PDB file of N, CA and C in Angstrom:
ATOM      1  N   MET A   1       2.298-156.792 -22.929  1.00  0.00           N
ATOM      2  CA  MET A   1       1.632-156.109 -25.041  1.00  0.00           C
ATOM      3  C   MET A   1       1.345-155.199 -24.513  1.00  0.00           C
ATOM      4  N   GLY A   2       1.441-154.271 -25.498  1.00  0.00           N
ATOM      5  CA  GLY A   2       1.164-152.593 -25.091  1.00  0.00           C
ATOM      6  C   GLY A   2       1.202-151.597 -26.341  1.00  0.00           C
ATOM      7  N   PHE A   3       1.347-149.925 -26.408  1.00  0.00           N
ATOM      8  CA  PHE A   3       0.890-148.894 -27.748  1.00  0.00           C
ATOM      9  C   PHE A   3       1.893-149.556 -27.999  1.00  0.00           C
ATOM     10  N   SER A   4       2.442-148.784 -28.733  1.00  0.00           N
ATOM     11  CA  SER A   4       3.758-147.843 -29.384  1.00  0.00           C
ATOM     12  C   SER A   4       3.722-147.459 -30.481  1.00  0.00           C
ATOM     13  N   SER A   5       3.538-145.752 -30.302  1.00  0.00           N
ATOM     14  CA  SER A   5       3.650-145.351 -31.627  1.00  0.00           C
ATOM     15  C   SER A   5       4.258-145.283 -31.965  1.00  0.00           C
ATOM     16  N   LEU A   6       4.442-145.428 -33.899  1.00  0.00           N
ATOM     17  CA  LEU A   6       5.776-145.448 -34.850  1.00  0.00           C
ATOM     18  C   LEU A   6       6.470-143.733 -34.384  1.00  0.00           C
ATOM     19  N   ILE A   7       4.800-142.996 -34.371  1.00  0.00           N
ATOM     20  CA  ILE A   7       6.244-141.305 -35.178  1.00  0.00           C
ATOM     21  C   ILE A   7       5.956-140.221 -33.675  1.00  0.00           C
ATOM     22  N   GLU A   8       4.834-140.912 -32.361  1.00  0.00           N
ATOM     23  CA  GLU A   8       5.495-140.192 -31.650  1.00  0.00           C
ATOM     24  C   GLU A   8       5.823-141.091 -30.428  1.00  0.00           C
ATOM     25  N   PRO A   9       6.333-140.787 -29.739  1.00  0.00           N
ATOM     26  CA  PRO A   9       6.775-141.077 -28.765  1.00  0.00           C
ATOM     27  C   PRO A   9       7.166-141.478 -27.191  1.00  0.00           C
ATOM     28  N   ILE A  10       5.153-142.486 -27.908  1.00  0.00           N
ATOM     29  CA  ILE A  10       4.574-143.142 -27.051  1.00  0.00           C
ATOM     30  C   ILE A  10       4.670-144.499 -26.412  1.00  0.00           C
ATOM     31  N   ASP A  11       5.003-145.143 -25.643  1.00  0.00           N
ATOM     32  CA  ASP A  11       5.079-146.934 -25.382  1.00  0.00           C
ATOM     33  C   ASP A  11       5.345-146.358 -24.440  1.00  0.00           C
ATOM     34  N   THR A  12       3.445-147.744 -24.134  1.00  0.00           N
ATOM     35  CA  THR A  12       2.892-148.403 -22.977  1.00  0.00           C
ATOM     36  C   THR A  12       3.263-149.396 -22.401  1.00  0.00           C
ATOM     37  N   THR A  13       4.784-150.053 -23.235  1.00  0.00           N
ATOM     38  CA  THR A  13       5.070-150.700 -22.197  1.00  0.00           C
ATOM     39  C   THR A  13       6.197-150.518 -20.762  1.00  0.00           C
ATOM     40  N   THR A  14       5.992-149.198 -20.777  1.00  0.00           N
ATOM     41  CA  THR A  14       6.621-148.271 -19.464  1.00  0.00           C
ATOM     42  C   THR A  14       5.795-147.921 -18.949  1.00  0.00           C
ATOM     43  N   PRO A  15       6.295-147.716 -17.377  1.00  0.00           N
ATOM     44  CA  PRO A  15       5.331-146.636 -16.302  1.00  0.00           C
ATOM     45  C   PRO A  15       5.056-145.758 -16.702  1.00  0.00           C
ATOM     46  N   SER A  16       5.783-144.940 -17.820  1.00  0.00           N
ATOM     47  CA  SER A  16       5.917-143.555 -18.463  1.00  0.00           C
ATOM     48  C   SER A  16       4.782-143.548 -18.506  1.00  0.00           C
ATOM     49  N   GLY A  17       5.591-143.989 -20.274  1.00  0.00           N
ATOM     50  CA  GLY A  17       3.801-144.557 -21.126  1.00  0.00           C
ATOM     51  C   GLY A  17       2.875-144.528 -20.967  1.00  0.00           C
ATOM     52  N   VAL A  18       2.241-145.126 -20.161  1.00  0.00           N
ATOM     53  CA  VAL A  18       1.396-145.185 -19.896  1.00  0.00           C
ATOM     54  C   VAL A  18       1.308-144.486 -18.746  1.00  0.00           C
ATOM     55  N   LEU A  19       1.559-143.481 -18.670  1.00  0.00           N
ATOM     56  CA  LEU A  19       1.215-142.084 -17.192  1.00  0.00           C
ATOM     57  C   LEU A  19       0.422-141.129 -19.089  1.00  0.00           C
ATOM     58  N   VAL A  20       1.554-141.120 -19.993  1.00  0.00           N
ATOM     59  CA  VAL A  20       1.688-140.432 -21.150  1.00  0.00           C
ATOM     60  C   VAL A  20      -0.076-140.594 -21.830  1.00  0.00           C
ATOM     61  N   PHE A  21      -0.058-141.916 -21.479  1.00  0.00           N
ATOM     62  CA  PHE A  21      -1.058-141.952 -22.485  1.00  0.00           C
ATOM     63  C   PHE A  21      -2.544-142.464 -21.835  1.00  0.00           C
ATOM     64  N   ASN A  22      -2.610-142.591 -20.441  1.00  0.00           N
ATOM     65  CA  ASN A  22      -3.223-142.399 -19.368  1.00  0.00           C
ATOM     66  C   ASN A  22      -3.671-140.526 -19.246  1.00  0.00           C
ATOM     67  N   ILE A  23      -2.666-140.451 -19.699  1.00  0.00           N
ATOM     68  CA  ILE A  23      -3.438-138.573 -19.133  1.00  0.00           C
ATOM     69  C   ILE A  23      -4.173-137.951 -20.869  1.00  0.00           C
ATOM     70  N   PHE A  24      -3.716-138.392 -21.900  1.00  0.00           N
ATOM     71  CA  PHE A  24      -4.102-137.581 -22.979  1.00  0.00           C
ATOM     72  C   PHE A  24      -5.528-138.792 -23.011  1.00  0.00           C
ATOM     73  N   SER A  25      -5.544-139.827 -22.995  1.00  0.00           N
ATOM     74  CA  SER A  25      -7.440-139.681 -22.516  1.00  0.00           C
ATOM     75  C   SER A  25      -8.076-139.147 -21.790  1.00  0.00           C
ATOM     76  N   ALA A  26      -7.447-138.603 -20.587  1.00  0.00           N
ATOM     77  CA  ALA A  26      -8.022-138.978 -19.461  1.00  0.00           C
ATOM     78  C   ALA A  26      -8.782-136.612 -20.088  1.00  0.00           C
ATOM     79  N   MET A  27      -7.699-136.126 -20.849  1.00  0.00           N
ATOM     80  CA  MET A  27      -7.955-134.806 -21.018  1.00  0.00           C
ATOM     81  C   MET A  27      -9.091-134.982 -22.660  1.00  0.00           C
ATOM     82  N   ALA A  28      -8.850-136.432 -23.143  1.00  0.00           N
ATOM     83  CA  ALA A  28     -10.620-135.840 -24.651  1.00  0.00           C
ATOM     84  C   ALA A  28     -11.051-136.022 -24.052  1.00  0.00           C
ATOM     85  N   GLN A  29     -11.342-137.313 -22.602  1.00  0.00           N
ATOM     86  CA  GLN A  29     -12.971-137.041 -22.335  1.00  0.00           C
ATOM     87  C   GLN A  29     -13.641-136.425 -21.800  1.00  0.00           C
ATOM     88  N   PHE A  30     -12.200-135.200 -20.790  1.00  0.00           N
ATOM     89  CA  PHE A  30     -13.051-134.088 -20.401  1.00  0.00           C
ATOM     90  C   PHE A  30     -13.248-133.362 -21.761  1.00  0.00           C
ATOM     91  N   GLU A  31     -12.723-132.852 -22.459  1.00  0.00           N
ATOM     92  CA  GLU A  31     -13.172-131.763 -24.092  1.00  0.00           C
ATOM     93  C   GLU A  31     -14.326-132.125 -24.701  1.00  0.00           C
ATOM     94  N   TYR A  32     -14.113-134.408 -24.485  1.00  0.00           N
ATOM     95  CA  TYR A  32     -15.523-134.363 -25.173  1.00  0.00           C
ATOM     96  C   TYR A  32     -16.571-134.406 -24.478  1.00  0.00           C
ATOM     97  N   ASP A  33     -16.254-134.159 -23.919  1.00  0.00           N
ATOM     98  CA  ASP A  33     -17.635-133.435 -21.937  1.00  0.00           C
ATOM     99  C   ASP A  33     -17.832-132.669 -22.080  1.00  0.00           C
ATOM    100  N   LEU A  34     -17.362-131.379 -22.281  1.00  0.00           N
ATOM    101  CA  LEU A  34     -17.210-129.709 -22.453  1.00  0.00           C
ATOM    102  C   LEU A  34     -18.148-129.768 -23.571  1.00  0.00           C
ATOM    103  N   THR A  35     -17.835-130.177 -24.530  1.00  0.00           N
ATOM    104  CA  THR A  35     -17.995-130.300 -25.895  1.00  0.00           C
ATOM    105  C   THR A  35     -19.811-130.141 -25.660  1.00  0.00           C
ATOM    106  N   ARG A  36     -20.374-131.781 -25.315  1.00  0.00           N
ATOM    107  CA  ARG A  36     -21.300-131.977 -25.216  1.00  0.00           C
ATOM    108  C   ARG A  36     -22.146-131.445 -24.352  1.00  0.00           C
ATOM    109  N   GLU A  37     -21.790-130.700 -23.003  1.00  0.00           N
ATOM    110  CA  GLU A  37     -22.557-130.366 -22.148  1.00  0.00           C
ATOM    111  C   GLU A  37     -23.109-128.509 -23.397  1.00  0.00           C
ATOM    112  N   ARG A  38     -21.888-128.321 -23.444  1.00  0.00           N
ATOM    113  CA  ARG A  38     -22.118-126.854 -24.749  1.00  0.00           C
ATOM    114  C   ARG A  38     -22.981-126.870 -25.835  1.00  0.00           C
ATOM    115  N   THR A  39     -23.322-127.931 -26.158  1.00  0.00           N
ATOM    116  CA  THR A  39     -24.158-128.212 -26.688  1.00  0.00           C
ATOM    117  C   THR A  39     -25.129-128.496 -27.090  1.00  0.00           C
ATOM    118  N   ILE A  40     -25.867-129.484 -25.359  1.00  0.00           N
ATOM    119  CA  ILE A  40     -27.131-129.592 -24.750  1.00  0.00           C
ATOM    120  C   ILE A  40     -27.410-128.202 -24.416  1.00  0.00           C
ATOM    121  N   ALA A  41     -26.363-127.648 -23.771  1.00  0.00           N
ATOM    122  CA  ALA A  41     -27.152-125.938 -22.824  1.00  0.00           C
ATOM    123  C   ALA A  41     -27.355-124.637 -24.620  1.00  0.00           C
ATOM    124  N   GLY A  42     -26.715-124.969 -25.696  1.00  0.00           N
ATOM    125  CA  GLY A  42     -27.136-124.132 -26.819  1.00  0.00           C
ATOM    126  C   GLY A  42     -28.027-124.986 -27.030  1.00  0.00           C
ATOM    127  N   LEU A  43     -28.751-125.656 -27.419  1.00  0.00           N
ATOM    128  CA  LEU A  43     -29.686-126.624 -28.318  1.00  0.00           C
ATOM    129  C   LEU A  43     -30.704-126.064 -27.473  1.00  0.00           C
ATOM    130  N   LYS A  44     -30.950-126.066 -25.716  1.00  0.00           N
ATOM    131  CA  LYS A  44     -31.721-125.473 -25.379  1.00  0.00           C
ATOM    132  C   LYS A  44     -31.789-124.276 -25.346  1.00  0.00           C
ATOM    133  N   VAL A  45     -30.980-122.928 -25.230  1.00  0.00           N
ATOM    134  CA  VAL A  45     -31.618-121.835 -25.353  1.00  0.00           C
ATOM    135  C   VAL A  45     -31.796-121.209 -26.908  1.00  0.00           C
ATOM    136  N   ALA A  46     -31.563-122.563 -27.496  1.00  0.00           N
ATOM    137  CA  ALA A  46     -32.442-122.300 -28.974  1.00  0.00           C
ATOM    138  C   ALA A  46     -33.916-122.300 -29.568  1.00  0.00           C
ATOM    139  N   ARG A  47     -33.985-123.429 -27.792  1.00  0.00           N
ATOM    140  CA  ARG A  47     -35.439-124.198 -28.590  1.00  0.00           C
ATOM    141  C   ARG A  47     -35.908-123.236 -27.344  1.00  0.00           C
ATOM    142  N   ALA A  48     -35.842-122.207 -26.846  1.00  0.00           N
ATOM    143  CA  ALA A  48     -36.143-121.618 -25.381  1.00  0.00           C
ATOM    144  C   ALA A  48     -36.641-120.221 -26.258  1.00  0.00           C
ATOM    145  N   HIS A  49     -36.055-119.480 -27.268  1.00  0.00           N
ATOM    146  CA  HIS A  49     -36.460-118.958 -28.259  1.00  0.00           C
ATOM    147  C   HIS A  49     -36.945-119.478 -29.807  1.00  0.00           C
ATOM    148  N   GLY A  50     -37.463-120.096 -29.494  1.00  0.00           N
ATOM    149  CA  GLY A  50     -38.878-120.757 -30.263  1.00  0.00           C
ATOM    150  C   GLY A  50     -37.173-121.305 -31.704  1.00  0.00           C
ATOM    151  N   ARG A  51     -36.890-121.833 -31.437  1.00  0.00           N
ATOM    152  CA  ARG A  51     -35.589-122.202 -32.684  1.00  0.00           C
ATOM    153  C   ARG A  51     -35.572-123.515 -32.994  1.00  0.00           C
ATOM    154  N   GLU A  52     -36.365-124.666 -33.680  1.00  0.00           N
ATOM    155  CA  GLU A  52     -36.326-125.364 -33.924  1.00  0.00           C
ATOM    156  C   GLU A  52     -35.107-126.364 -35.343  1.00  0.00           C
ATOM    157  N   GLY A  53     -33.911-127.248 -33.678  1.00  0.00           N
ATOM    158  CA  GLY A  53     -32.986-127.291 -35.338  1.00  0.00           C
ATOM    159  C   GLY A  53     -32.949-128.487 -35.886  1.00  0.00           C
ATOM    160  N   GLY A  54     -32.041-129.297 -37.117  1.00  0.00           N
ATOM    161  CA  GLY A  54     -33.013-130.357 -37.722  1.00  0.00           C
ATOM    162  C   GLY A  54     -32.513-129.896 -39.748  1.00  0.00           C
ATOM    163  N   ARG A  55     -32.572-130.496 -40.590  1.00  0.00           N
ATOM    164  CA  ARG A  55     -33.095-131.440 -41.646  1.00  0.00           C
ATOM    165  C   ARG A  55     -34.442-130.391 -42.255  1.00  0.00           C
ATOM    166  N   PRO A  56     -34.306-128.588 -42.820  1.00  0.00           N
ATOM    167  CA  PRO A  56     -35.042-128.605 -43.361  1.00  0.00           C
ATOM    168  C   PRO A  56     -36.367-129.532 -43.744  1.00  0.00           C
ATOM    169  N   TYR A  57     -37.342-129.425 -44.253  1.00  0.00           N
ATOM    170  CA  TYR A  57     -38.917-130.835 -45.210  1.00  0.00           C
ATOM    171  C   TYR A  57     -38.230-130.668 -46.686  1.00  0.00           C
ATOM    172  N   LYS A  58     -38.758-131.605 -46.903  1.00  0.00           N
ATOM    173  CA  LYS A  58     -38.530-130.762 -49.137  1.00  0.00           C
ATOM    174  C   LYS A  58     -39.097-130.659 -49.501  1.00  0.00           C
ATOM    175  N   LEU A  59     -40.795-131.535 -48.688  1.00  0.00           N
ATOM    176  CA  LEU A  59     -42.312-130.662 -50.008  1.00  0.00           C
ATOM    177  C   LEU A  59     -42.933-130.559 -48.455  1.00  0.00           C
ATOM    178  N   SER A  60     -44.204-129.052 -48.660  1.00  0.00           N
ATOM    179  CA  SER A  60     -44.439-129.002 -47.295  1.00  0.00           C
ATOM    180  C   SER A  60     -45.730-129.319 -47.682  1.00  0.00           C
ATOM    181  N   CYS A  61     -46.145-130.028 -46.297  1.00  0.00           N
ATOM    182  CA  CYS A  61     -47.694-130.078 -46.464  1.00  0.00           C
ATOM    183  C   CYS A  61     -49.544-128.828 -46.415  1.00  0.00           C
TER     184      CYS A  61
END
């Protein structure tokens, strides 16, 4: 049993389809990791400059 796309020619019931699917998933994971790494680095820089993130308070105390 495998995945067969109706739009793209990806069919994981064949060895070449499995390869293409694994390459796409590896690239997606790589992009996710890069985005996460850059976001964390940006938050550290912002905190070092005294800026805090998050939603503003509705009520002031």
